[in-house]
Structure formats: structure tokens, C-alpha cells
Amino acid sequence: MKGDYERRFCLLSARVEKVLFTLIVCLAVLLVAGQAAYQVAPIRHMLVETERWEGVSAPR
């Protein structure tokens, strides 16, 4: 009985580890892609509100 439980636990933990690893890799790729997008001026202008307000005087 204990061997069956350990085998199933190992299978479950291997699956969970694979999902977590895949999630971490995907998030890292998205982070790098997002940071690369901020390097392109037209995209940065669309994404960052501060860029649109640069050099504009504050409304009174």
C-alpha cells in the first residue's frame, strides 16, 4: 500500500513541477518581450502614459 501511494505522489509531484517550470519559463519570456517592447519608441508611447505627458504643461 505504501509503495502505491509513494508512486502516485511522485507522479503527481512530477506533473506539478513540470507545470510550474513551464509557467516560470513562459512568464520569463513574457517579461523579456515586454521589456524589449518598451525599447521601441512608438510602442512605448502607446503603453506608457507618462510618455504622452512628457513636455506638456499641467492643466490649471
PDB file of N, CA and C in Angstrom:
ATOM      1  N   MET A   1       0.819  -1.193   0.000  1.00  0.00           N
ATOM      2  CA  MET A   1       0.000   0.000   0.000  1.00  0.00           C
ATOM      3  C   MET A   1       0.865   1.259   0.000  1.00  0.00           C
ATOM      4  N   LYS A   2       1.898   1.298   0.825  1.00  0.00           N
ATOM      5  CA  LYS A   2       2.739   2.486   0.908  1.00  0.00           C
ATOM      6  C   LYS A   2       3.472   2.734  -0.405  1.00  0.00           C
ATOM      7  N   GLY A   3       3.897   1.693  -1.087  1.00  0.00           N
ATOM      8  CA  GLY A   3       4.598   1.843  -2.352  1.00  0.00           C
ATOM      9  C   GLY A   3       3.713   2.470  -3.417  1.00  0.00           C
ATOM     10  N   ASP A   4       2.427   2.090  -3.430  1.00  0.00           N
ATOM     11  CA  ASP A   4       1.490   2.655  -4.404  1.00  0.00           C
ATOM     12  C   ASP A   4       1.281   4.145  -4.141  1.00  0.00           C
ATOM     13  N   TYR A   5       1.141   4.502  -2.861  1.00  0.00           N
ATOM     14  CA  TYR A   5       0.968   5.909  -2.504  1.00  0.00           C
ATOM     15  C   TYR A   5       2.183   6.726  -2.920  1.00  0.00           C
ATOM     16  N   GLU A   6       3.361   6.216  -2.638  1.00  0.00           N
ATOM     17  CA  GLU A   6       4.593   6.936  -2.990  1.00  0.00           C
ATOM     18  C   GLU A   6       4.732   7.090  -4.501  1.00  0.00           C
ATOM     19  N   ARG A   7       4.363   6.053  -5.243  1.00  0.00           N
ATOM     20  CA  ARG A   7       4.453   6.112  -6.701  1.00  0.00           C
ATOM     21  C   ARG A   7       3.504   7.177  -7.247  1.00  0.00           C
ATOM     22  N   ARG A   8       2.259   7.175  -6.741  1.00  0.00           N
ATOM     23  CA  ARG A   8       1.290   8.176  -7.211  1.00  0.00           C
ATOM     24  C   ARG A   8       1.707   9.585  -6.800  1.00  0.00           C
ATOM     25  N   PHE A   9       2.258   9.723  -5.591  1.00  0.00           N
ATOM     26  CA  PHE A   9       2.727  11.036  -5.146  1.00  0.00           C
ATOM     27  C   PHE A   9       3.861  11.526  -6.036  1.00  0.00           C
ATOM     28  N   CYS A  10       4.780  10.634  -6.386  1.00  0.00           N
ATOM     29  CA  CYS A  10       5.891  11.017  -7.267  1.00  0.00           C
ATOM     30  C   CYS A  10       5.385  11.435  -8.641  1.00  0.00           C
ATOM     31  N   LEU A  11       4.378  10.735  -9.167  1.00  0.00           N
ATOM     32  CA  LEU A  11       3.808  11.106 -10.461  1.00  0.00           C
ATOM     33  C   LEU A  11       3.144  12.487 -10.385  1.00  0.00           C
ATOM     34  N   LEU A  12       2.382  12.703  -9.321  1.00  0.00           N
ATOM     35  CA  LEU A  12       1.722  13.997  -9.147  1.00  0.00           C
ATOM     36  C   LEU A  12       2.736  15.124  -8.994  1.00  0.00           C
ATOM     37  N   SER A  13       3.733  14.910  -8.163  1.00  0.00           N
ATOM     38  CA  SER A  13       4.713  15.979  -7.949  1.00  0.00           C
ATOM     39  C   SER A  13       5.515  16.250  -9.220  1.00  0.00           C
ATOM     40  N   ALA A  14       5.777  15.215 -10.014  1.00  0.00           N
ATOM     41  CA  ALA A  14       6.483  15.431 -11.285  1.00  0.00           C
ATOM     42  C   ALA A  14       5.633  16.281 -12.219  1.00  0.00           C
ATOM     43  N   ARG A  15       4.325  16.021 -12.247  1.00  0.00           N
ATOM     44  CA  ARG A  15       3.432  16.828 -13.086  1.00  0.00           C
ATOM     45  C   ARG A  15       3.398  18.278 -12.619  1.00  0.00           C
ATOM     46  N   VAL A  16       3.275  18.468 -11.317  1.00  0.00           N
ATOM     47  CA  VAL A  16       3.218  19.819 -10.763  1.00  0.00           C
ATOM     48  C   VAL A  16       4.516  20.560 -11.051  1.00  0.00           C
ATOM     49  N   GLU A  17       5.638  19.881 -10.892  1.00  0.00           N
ATOM     50  CA  GLU A  17       6.925  20.512 -11.185  1.00  0.00           C
ATOM     51  C   GLU A  17       7.011  20.924 -12.646  1.00  0.00           C
ATOM     52  N   LYS A  18       6.524  20.070 -13.549  1.00  0.00           N
ATOM     53  CA  LYS A  18       6.570  20.388 -14.975  1.00  0.00           C
ATOM     54  C   LYS A  18       5.713  21.615 -15.286  1.00  0.00           C
ATOM     55  N   VAL A  19       4.527  21.670 -14.686  1.00  0.00           N
ATOM     56  CA  VAL A  19       3.638  22.817 -14.917  1.00  0.00           C
ATOM     57  C   VAL A  19       4.265  24.097 -14.360  1.00  0.00           C
ATOM     58  N   LEU A  20       4.815  24.030 -13.147  1.00  0.00           N
ATOM     59  CA  LEU A  20       5.440  25.213 -12.555  1.00  0.00           C
ATOM     60  C   LEU A  20       6.641  25.678 -13.373  1.00  0.00           C
ATOM     61  N   PHE A  21       7.454  24.745 -13.827  1.00  0.00           N
ATOM     62  CA  PHE A  21       8.610  25.102 -14.641  1.00  0.00           C
ATOM     63  C   PHE A  21       8.167  25.769 -15.941  1.00  0.00           C
ATOM     64  N   THR A  22       7.155  25.197 -16.594  1.00  0.00           N
ATOM     65  CA  THR A  22       6.633  25.776 -17.835  1.00  0.00           C
ATOM     66  C   THR A  22       6.078  27.173 -17.590  1.00  0.00           C
ATOM     67  N   LEU A  23       5.360  27.350 -16.491  1.00  0.00           N
ATOM     68  CA  LEU A  23       4.801  28.653 -16.150  1.00  0.00           C
ATOM     69  C   LEU A  23       5.902  29.684 -15.919  1.00  0.00           C
ATOM     70  N   ILE A  24       6.942  29.304 -15.196  1.00  0.00           N
ATOM     71  CA  ILE A  24       8.055  30.217 -14.927  1.00  0.00           C
ATOM     72  C   ILE A  24       8.759  30.605 -16.218  1.00  0.00           C
ATOM     73  N   VAL A  25       8.985  29.644 -17.108  1.00  0.00           N
ATOM     74  CA  VAL A  25       9.651  29.939 -18.379  1.00  0.00           C
ATOM     75  C   VAL A  25       8.783  30.871 -19.221  1.00  0.00           C
ATOM     76  N   CYS A  26       7.473  30.609 -19.285  1.00  0.00           N
ATOM     77  CA  CYS A  26       6.578  31.475 -20.068  1.00  0.00           C
ATOM     78  C   CYS A  26       6.556  32.897 -19.517  1.00  0.00           C
ATOM     79  N   LEU A  27       6.489  33.017 -18.208  1.00  0.00           N
ATOM     80  CA  LEU A  27       6.483  34.352 -17.609  1.00  0.00           C
ATOM     81  C   LEU A  27       7.800  35.090 -17.838  1.00  0.00           C
ATOM     82  N   ALA A  28       8.905  34.370 -17.807  1.00  0.00           N
ATOM     83  CA  ALA A  28      10.203  34.998 -18.078  1.00  0.00           C
ATOM     84  C   ALA A  28      10.268  35.479 -19.527  1.00  0.00           C
ATOM     85  N   VAL A  29       9.752  34.675 -20.452  1.00  0.00           N
ATOM     86  CA  VAL A  29       9.736  35.083 -21.865  1.00  0.00           C
ATOM     87  C   VAL A  29       8.848  36.311 -22.049  1.00  0.00           C
ATOM     88  N   LEU A  30       7.688  36.330 -21.398  1.00  0.00           N
ATOM     89  CA  LEU A  30       6.813  37.497 -21.489  1.00  0.00           C
ATOM     90  C   LEU A  30       7.460  38.745 -20.889  1.00  0.00           C
ATOM     91  N   LEU A  31       8.186  38.578 -19.803  1.00  0.00           N
ATOM     92  CA  LEU A  31       8.882  39.708 -19.195  1.00  0.00           C
ATOM     93  C   LEU A  31       9.931  40.277 -20.139  1.00  0.00           C
ATOM     94  N   VAL A  32      10.722  39.410 -20.747  1.00  0.00           N
ATOM     95  CA  VAL A  32      11.748  39.865 -21.685  1.00  0.00           C
ATOM     96  C   VAL A  32      11.098  40.523 -22.900  1.00  0.00           C
ATOM     97  N   ALA A  33      10.014  39.935 -23.411  1.00  0.00           N
ATOM     98  CA  ALA A  33       9.323  40.523 -24.568  1.00  0.00           C
ATOM     99  C   ALA A  33       8.738  41.890 -24.218  1.00  0.00           C
ATOM    100  N   GLY A  34       8.183  42.017 -23.031  1.00  0.00           N
ATOM    101  CA  GLY A  34       7.639  43.310 -22.607  1.00  0.00           C
ATOM    102  C   GLY A  34       8.709  44.364 -22.461  1.00  0.00           C
ATOM    103  N   GLN A  35       9.829  43.983 -21.882  1.00  0.00           N
ATOM    104  CA  GLN A  35      10.922  44.940 -21.740  1.00  0.00           C
ATOM    105  C   GLN A  35      11.497  45.325 -23.093  1.00  0.00           C
ATOM    106  N   ALA A  36      11.540  44.379 -24.027  1.00  0.00           N
ATOM    107  CA  ALA A  36      12.018  44.692 -25.377  1.00  0.00           C
ATOM    108  C   ALA A  36      11.034  45.628 -26.079  1.00  0.00           C
ATOM    109  N   ALA A  37       9.750  45.438 -25.830  1.00  0.00           N
ATOM    110  CA  ALA A  37       8.744  46.312 -26.452  1.00  0.00           C
ATOM    111  C   ALA A  37       8.893  47.747 -25.961  1.00  0.00           C
ATOM    112  N   TYR A  38       9.287  47.926 -24.706  1.00  0.00           N
ATOM    113  CA  TYR A  38       9.484  49.281 -24.184  1.00  0.00           C
ATOM    114  C   TYR A  38      10.660  49.993 -24.834  1.00  0.00           C
ATOM    115  N   GLN A  39      11.513  49.288 -25.513  1.00  0.00           N
ATOM    116  CA  GLN A  39      12.657  49.896 -26.180  1.00  0.00           C
ATOM    117  C   GLN A  39      12.273  50.519 -27.527  1.00  0.00           C
ATOM    118  N   VAL A  40      11.105  50.149 -28.068  1.00  0.00           N
ATOM    119  CA  VAL A  40      10.641  50.685 -29.350  1.00  0.00           C
ATOM    120  C   VAL A  40       9.774  51.908 -29.057  1.00  0.00           C
ATOM    121  N   ALA A  41      10.182  53.051 -29.559  1.00  0.00           N
ATOM    122  CA  ALA A  41       9.533  54.322 -29.206  1.00  0.00           C
ATOM    123  C   ALA A  41       8.025  54.350 -29.496  1.00  0.00           C
ATOM    124  N   PRO A  42       7.542  53.940 -30.690  1.00  0.00           N
ATOM    125  CA  PRO A  42       6.093  54.009 -30.915  1.00  0.00           C
ATOM    126  C   PRO A  42       5.288  53.107 -29.970  1.00  0.00           C
ATOM    127  N   ILE A  43       5.829  51.963 -29.654  1.00  0.00           N
ATOM    128  CA  ILE A  43       5.127  51.057 -28.740  1.00  0.00           C
ATOM    129  C   ILE A  43       5.154  51.625 -27.324  1.00  0.00           C
ATOM    130  N   ARG A  44       6.307  52.147 -26.916  1.00  0.00           N
ATOM    131  CA  ARG A  44       6.425  52.745 -25.588  1.00  0.00           C
ATOM    132  C   ARG A  44       5.459  53.914 -25.456  1.00  0.00           C
ATOM    133  N   HIS A  45       5.297  54.681 -26.514  1.00  0.00           N
ATOM    134  CA  HIS A  45       4.383  55.826 -26.488  1.00  0.00           C
ATOM    135  C   HIS A  45       2.943  55.359 -26.266  1.00  0.00           C
ATOM    136  N   MET A  46       2.570  54.205 -26.855  1.00  0.00           N
ATOM    137  CA  MET A  46       1.209  53.687 -26.671  1.00  0.00           C
ATOM    138  C   MET A  46       1.017  53.091 -25.276  1.00  0.00           C
ATOM    139  N   LEU A  47       2.030  52.446 -24.725  1.00  0.00           N
ATOM    140  CA  LEU A  47       1.876  51.696 -23.484  1.00  0.00           C
ATOM    141  C   LEU A  47       2.069  52.534 -22.222  1.00  0.00           C
ATOM    142  N   VAL A  48       2.923  53.540 -22.279  1.00  0.00           N
ATOM    143  CA  VAL A  48       3.279  54.294 -21.074  1.00  0.00           C
ATOM    144  C   VAL A  48       2.627  55.666 -21.129  1.00  0.00           C
ATOM    145  N   GLU A  49       1.724  55.918 -20.186  1.00  0.00           N
ATOM    146  CA  GLU A  49       1.013  57.197 -20.186  1.00  0.00           C
ATOM    147  C   GLU A  49       1.957  58.357 -19.914  1.00  0.00           C
ATOM    148  N   THR A  50       2.984  58.142 -19.143  1.00  0.00           N
ATOM    149  CA  THR A  50       3.938  59.195 -18.830  1.00  0.00           C
ATOM    150  C   THR A  50       4.617  59.710 -20.091  1.00  0.00           C
ATOM    151  N   GLU A  51       4.869  58.829 -21.038  1.00  0.00           N
ATOM    152  CA  GLU A  51       5.491  59.247 -22.300  1.00  0.00           C
ATOM    153  C   GLU A  51       4.616  60.265 -23.030  1.00  0.00           C
ATOM    154  N   ARG A  52       3.314  60.101 -22.964  1.00  0.00           N
ATOM    155  CA  ARG A  52       2.410  61.033 -23.659  1.00  0.00           C
ATOM    156  C   ARG A  52       2.383  62.399 -22.990  1.00  0.00           C
ATOM    157  N   TRP A  53       2.647  62.449 -21.683  1.00  0.00           N
ATOM    158  CA  TRP A  53       2.585  63.705 -20.957  1.00  0.00           C
ATOM    159  C   TRP A  53       3.935  64.402 -20.877  1.00  0.00           C
ATOM    160  N   GLU A  54       4.976  63.810 -21.419  1.00  0.00           N
ATOM    161  CA  GLU A  54       6.303  64.433 -21.394  1.00  0.00           C
ATOM    162  C   GLU A  54       6.273  65.775 -22.112  1.00  0.00           C
ATOM    163  N   GLY A  55       6.713  66.806 -21.452  1.00  0.00           N
ATOM    164  CA  GLY A  55       6.821  68.103 -22.074  1.00  0.00           C
ATOM    165  C   GLY A  55       5.515  68.863 -22.183  1.00  0.00           C
ATOM    166  N   VAL A  56       4.419  68.335 -21.652  1.00  0.00           N
ATOM    167  CA  VAL A  56       3.131  69.005 -21.706  1.00  0.00           C
ATOM    168  C   VAL A  56       2.902  69.664 -20.351  1.00  0.00           C
ATOM    169  N   SER A  57       2.528  70.932 -20.381  1.00  0.00           N
ATOM    170  CA  SER A  57       2.313  71.618 -19.110  1.00  0.00           C
ATOM    171  C   SER A  57       1.042  71.088 -18.434  1.00  0.00           C
ATOM    172  N   ALA A  58       1.015  71.146 -17.140  1.00  0.00           N
ATOM    173  CA  ALA A  58      -0.120  70.632 -16.371  1.00  0.00           C
ATOM    174  C   ALA A  58      -1.327  71.532 -16.564  1.00  0.00           C
ATOM    175  N   PRO A  59      -2.500  70.960 -16.708  1.00  0.00           N
ATOM    176  CA  PRO A  59      -3.712  71.791 -16.850  1.00  0.00           C
ATOM    177  C   PRO A  59      -4.010  72.536 -15.554  1.00  0.00           C
ATOM    178  N   ARG A  60      -4.557  73.737 -15.682  1.00  0.00           N
ATOM    179  CA  ARG A  60      -4.843  74.560 -14.494  1.00  0.00           C
ATOM    180  C   ARG A  60      -6.294  74.555 -14.166  1.00  0.00           C
TER     181      ARG A  60
END
